[in-house]
């Protein structure tokens, strides 16, 4: 099932870029045009379920899971991209049912939306 990726203001992608991600994608283009940014973004979202499970398994009664998830995703983002920009949005979802996960750096929030 195809999924979409929307990136705004990240690395060489200065405007909003929305693309469909299939099982296989090939990205071509000149150097510094955003190919690696797209590949890293796909990895970032495809591994979020593992991140959530890991945080849930480590959760204690005093842990705020939402804050811990945002902290973890910010750390993961910095490791992938080398920095955490002031204003950036990444969205990942399925076009057919409008489910998506969004990571907004400027407001330090992560949202999961399910519109069935």
C-alpha atoms as a PDB file:
ATOM      1  CA  UNK A   1       0.000   0.000   0.000  1.00  0.00           C
ATOM      2  CA  UNK A   2       1.390   3.380  -0.992  1.00  0.00           C
ATOM      3  CA  UNK A   3       2.120   5.954   1.676  1.00  0.00           C
ATOM      4  CA  UNK A   4       2.832   9.646   1.415  1.00  0.00           C
ATOM      5  CA  UNK A   5       5.625  11.749   2.798  1.00  0.00           C
ATOM      6  CA  UNK A   6       5.364  15.514   3.225  1.00  0.00           C
ATOM      7  CA  UNK A   7       8.470  17.531   4.077  1.00  0.00           C
ATOM      8  CA  UNK A   8       8.648  21.274   4.697  1.00  0.00           C
ATOM      9  CA  UNK A   9      11.769  23.359   5.336  1.00  0.00           C
ATOM     10  CA  UNK A  10      14.277  20.568   5.860  1.00  0.00           C
ATOM     11  CA  UNK A  11      17.780  20.662   4.401  1.00  0.00           C
ATOM     12  CA  UNK A  12      17.707  21.433   0.686  1.00  0.00           C
ATOM     13  CA  UNK A  13      13.901  21.097   0.618  1.00  0.00           C
ATOM     14  CA  UNK A  14      12.904  24.724   1.170  1.00  0.00           C
ATOM     15  CA  UNK A  15       9.237  24.463   0.187  1.00  0.00           C
ATOM     16  CA  UNK A  16       6.637  21.784   0.862  1.00  0.00           C
ATOM     17  CA  UNK A  17       7.410  18.523  -0.910  1.00  0.00           C
ATOM     18  CA  UNK A  18       4.780  15.787  -0.931  1.00  0.00           C
ATOM     19  CA  UNK A  19       5.515  12.466  -2.578  1.00  0.00           C
ATOM     20  CA  UNK A  20       4.031   8.992  -2.692  1.00  0.00           C
ATOM     21  CA  UNK A  21       6.261   6.306  -1.219  1.00  0.00           C
ATOM     22  CA  UNK A  22       5.786   2.852  -2.719  1.00  0.00           C
ATOM     23  CA  UNK A  23       7.452  -0.440  -1.879  1.00  0.00           C
ATOM     24  CA  UNK A  24      10.272   0.556  -4.242  1.00  0.00           C
ATOM     25  CA  UNK A  25      11.325   4.113  -5.040  1.00  0.00           C
ATOM     26  CA  UNK A  26      14.295   5.425  -6.993  1.00  0.00           C
ATOM     27  CA  UNK A  27      15.355   9.024  -6.441  1.00  0.00           C
ATOM     28  CA  UNK A  28      17.586  10.726  -8.981  1.00  0.00           C
ATOM     29  CA  UNK A  29      18.756  14.292  -9.215  1.00  0.00           C
ATOM     30  CA  UNK A  30      21.701  16.595  -8.835  1.00  0.00           C
ATOM     31  CA  UNK A  31      23.878  16.671  -5.738  1.00  0.00           C
ATOM     32  CA  UNK A  32      22.245  18.395  -2.723  1.00  0.00           C
ATOM     33  CA  UNK A  33      18.750  18.245  -4.219  1.00  0.00           C
ATOM     34  CA  UNK A  34      17.111  16.327  -1.331  1.00  0.00           C
ATOM     35  CA  UNK A  35      17.479  12.636  -2.209  1.00  0.00           C
ATOM     36  CA  UNK A  36      19.170  11.742   1.091  1.00  0.00           C
ATOM     37  CA  UNK A  37      16.763  13.958   3.021  1.00  0.00           C
ATOM     38  CA  UNK A  38      13.854  11.971   1.600  1.00  0.00           C
ATOM     39  CA  UNK A  39      15.550   8.618   2.330  1.00  0.00           C
ATOM     40  CA  UNK A  40      16.332   9.626   5.931  1.00  0.00           C
ATOM     41  CA  UNK A  41      12.759  10.868   6.392  1.00  0.00           C
ATOM     42  CA  UNK A  42      11.357   7.531   5.198  1.00  0.00           C
ATOM     43  CA  UNK A  43      13.610   5.710   7.693  1.00  0.00           C
ATOM     44  CA  UNK A  44      12.614   8.141  10.469  1.00  0.00           C
ATOM     45  CA  UNK A  45       8.921   7.311  10.058  1.00  0.00           C
ATOM     46  CA  UNK A  46       9.204   3.628   9.233  1.00  0.00           C
ATOM     47  CA  UNK A  47      10.953   3.070  12.571  1.00  0.00           C
ATOM     48  CA  UNK A  48       8.604   5.142  14.779  1.00  0.00           C
ATOM     49  CA  UNK A  49       6.514   2.086  15.728  1.00  0.00           C
ATOM     50  CA  UNK A  50       9.660   0.479  17.155  1.00  0.00           C
ATOM     51  CA  UNK A  51      10.441   3.716  19.036  1.00  0.00           C
ATOM     52  CA  UNK A  52       6.963   3.834  20.568  1.00  0.00           C
ATOM     53  CA  UNK A  53       7.142   0.163  21.598  1.00  0.00           C
ATOM     54  CA  UNK A  54      10.584   0.675  23.133  1.00  0.00           C
ATOM     55  CA  UNK A  55       9.381   3.668  25.164  1.00  0.00           C
ATOM     56  CA  UNK A  56       6.238   1.805  26.270  1.00  0.00           C
ATOM     57  CA  UNK A  57       8.296  -1.171  27.450  1.00  0.00           C
ATOM     58  CA  UNK A  58      10.598   1.126  29.441  1.00  0.00           C
ATOM     59  CA  UNK A  59       7.726   3.193  30.847  1.00  0.00           C
ATOM     60  CA  UNK A  60       7.403   3.637  34.554  1.00  0.00           C
ATOM     61  CA  UNK A  61       4.501   5.131  36.479  1.00  0.00           C
ATOM     62  CA  UNK A  62       6.165   8.537  36.660  1.00  0.00           C
ATOM     63  CA  UNK A  63       7.198   8.697  32.995  1.00  0.00           C
ATOM     64  CA  UNK A  64       5.260  10.986  30.662  1.00  0.00           C
ATOM     65  CA  UNK A  65       5.265   8.857  27.510  1.00  0.00           C
ATOM     66  CA  UNK A  66       4.406  11.749  25.190  1.00  0.00           C
ATOM     67  CA  UNK A  67       7.276  13.894  26.494  1.00  0.00           C
ATOM     68  CA  UNK A  68       9.616  10.916  26.375  1.00  0.00           C
ATOM     69  CA  UNK A  69       8.596  10.168  22.764  1.00  0.00           C
ATOM     70  CA  UNK A  70       9.185  13.765  21.663  1.00  0.00           C
ATOM     71  CA  UNK A  71      12.547  13.782  23.442  1.00  0.00           C
ATOM     72  CA  UNK A  72      13.518  10.499  21.771  1.00  0.00           C
ATOM     73  CA  UNK A  73      12.353  11.609  18.300  1.00  0.00           C
ATOM     74  CA  UNK A  74      14.231  14.899  18.630  1.00  0.00           C
ATOM     75  CA  UNK A  75      17.399  12.972  19.531  1.00  0.00           C
ATOM     76  CA  UNK A  76      16.845  10.525  16.660  1.00  0.00           C
ATOM     77  CA  UNK A  77      16.234  13.411  14.255  1.00  0.00           C
ATOM     78  CA  UNK A  78      19.460  15.173  15.297  1.00  0.00           C
ATOM     79  CA  UNK A  79      21.406  11.936  14.788  1.00  0.00           C
ATOM     80  CA  UNK A  80      19.959  11.392  11.298  1.00  0.00           C
ATOM     81  CA  UNK A  81      20.082  14.941   9.982  1.00  0.00           C
ATOM     82  CA  UNK A  82      22.824  16.488  12.112  1.00  0.00           C
ATOM     83  CA  UNK A  83      20.702  19.338  13.448  1.00  0.00           C
ATOM     84  CA  UNK A  84      17.238  20.244  14.656  1.00  0.00           C
ATOM     85  CA  UNK A  85      15.878  23.202  12.649  1.00  0.00           C
ATOM     86  CA  UNK A  86      13.724  25.919  14.185  1.00  0.00           C
ATOM     87  CA  UNK A  87      10.742  25.319  11.898  1.00  0.00           C
ATOM     88  CA  UNK A  88      10.185  22.052  10.074  1.00  0.00           C
ATOM     89  CA  UNK A  89       7.379  19.578   9.540  1.00  0.00           C
ATOM     90  CA  UNK A  90       7.521  15.941   8.489  1.00  0.00           C
ATOM     91  CA  UNK A  91       4.342  13.962   7.817  1.00  0.00           C
ATOM     92  CA  UNK A  92       3.953  10.302   6.904  1.00  0.00           C
ATOM     93  CA  UNK A  93       0.759   8.438   6.184  1.00  0.00           C
ATOM     94  CA  UNK A  94      -1.441   6.373   3.977  1.00  0.00           C
ATOM     95  CA  UNK A  95      -3.292   8.248   1.269  1.00  0.00           C
ATOM     96  CA  UNK A  96      -6.228   5.853   1.242  1.00  0.00           C
ATOM     97  CA  UNK A  97      -7.378   6.319   4.839  1.00  0.00           C
ATOM     98  CA  UNK A  98      -5.737   9.641   5.827  1.00  0.00           C
ATOM     99  CA  UNK A  99      -3.850   8.223   8.803  1.00  0.00           C
ATOM    100  CA  UNK A 100      -0.676  10.102   9.512  1.00  0.00           C
ATOM    101  CA  UNK A 101       2.117  10.754  11.943  1.00  0.00           C
ATOM    102  CA  UNK A 102       3.562  14.263  12.037  1.00  0.00           C
ATOM    103  CA  UNK A 103       6.680  15.550  13.744  1.00  0.00           C
ATOM    104  CA  UNK A 104       6.749  19.332  14.122  1.00  0.00           C
ATOM    105  CA  UNK A 105      10.046  20.718  15.340  1.00  0.00           C
ATOM    106  CA  UNK A 106       8.947  24.326  15.814  1.00  0.00           C
ATOM    107  CA  UNK A 107       6.320  23.406  18.406  1.00  0.00           C
ATOM    108  CA  UNK A 108       8.136  20.296  19.712  1.00  0.00           C
ATOM    109  CA  UNK A 109       5.160  18.043  19.163  1.00  0.00           C
ATOM    110  CA  UNK A 110       4.372  14.759  17.545  1.00  0.00           C
ATOM    111  CA  UNK A 111       0.846  13.896  16.468  1.00  0.00           C
ATOM    112  CA  UNK A 112      -0.806  10.711  15.315  1.00  0.00           C
ATOM    113  CA  UNK A 113      -4.025  11.217  13.370  1.00  0.00           C
ATOM    114  CA  UNK A 114      -6.517   8.545  12.380  1.00  0.00           C
ATOM    115  CA  UNK A 115      -9.383   9.699  10.108  1.00  0.00           C
ATOM    116  CA  UNK A 116     -11.249   6.558   9.139  1.00  0.00           C
END
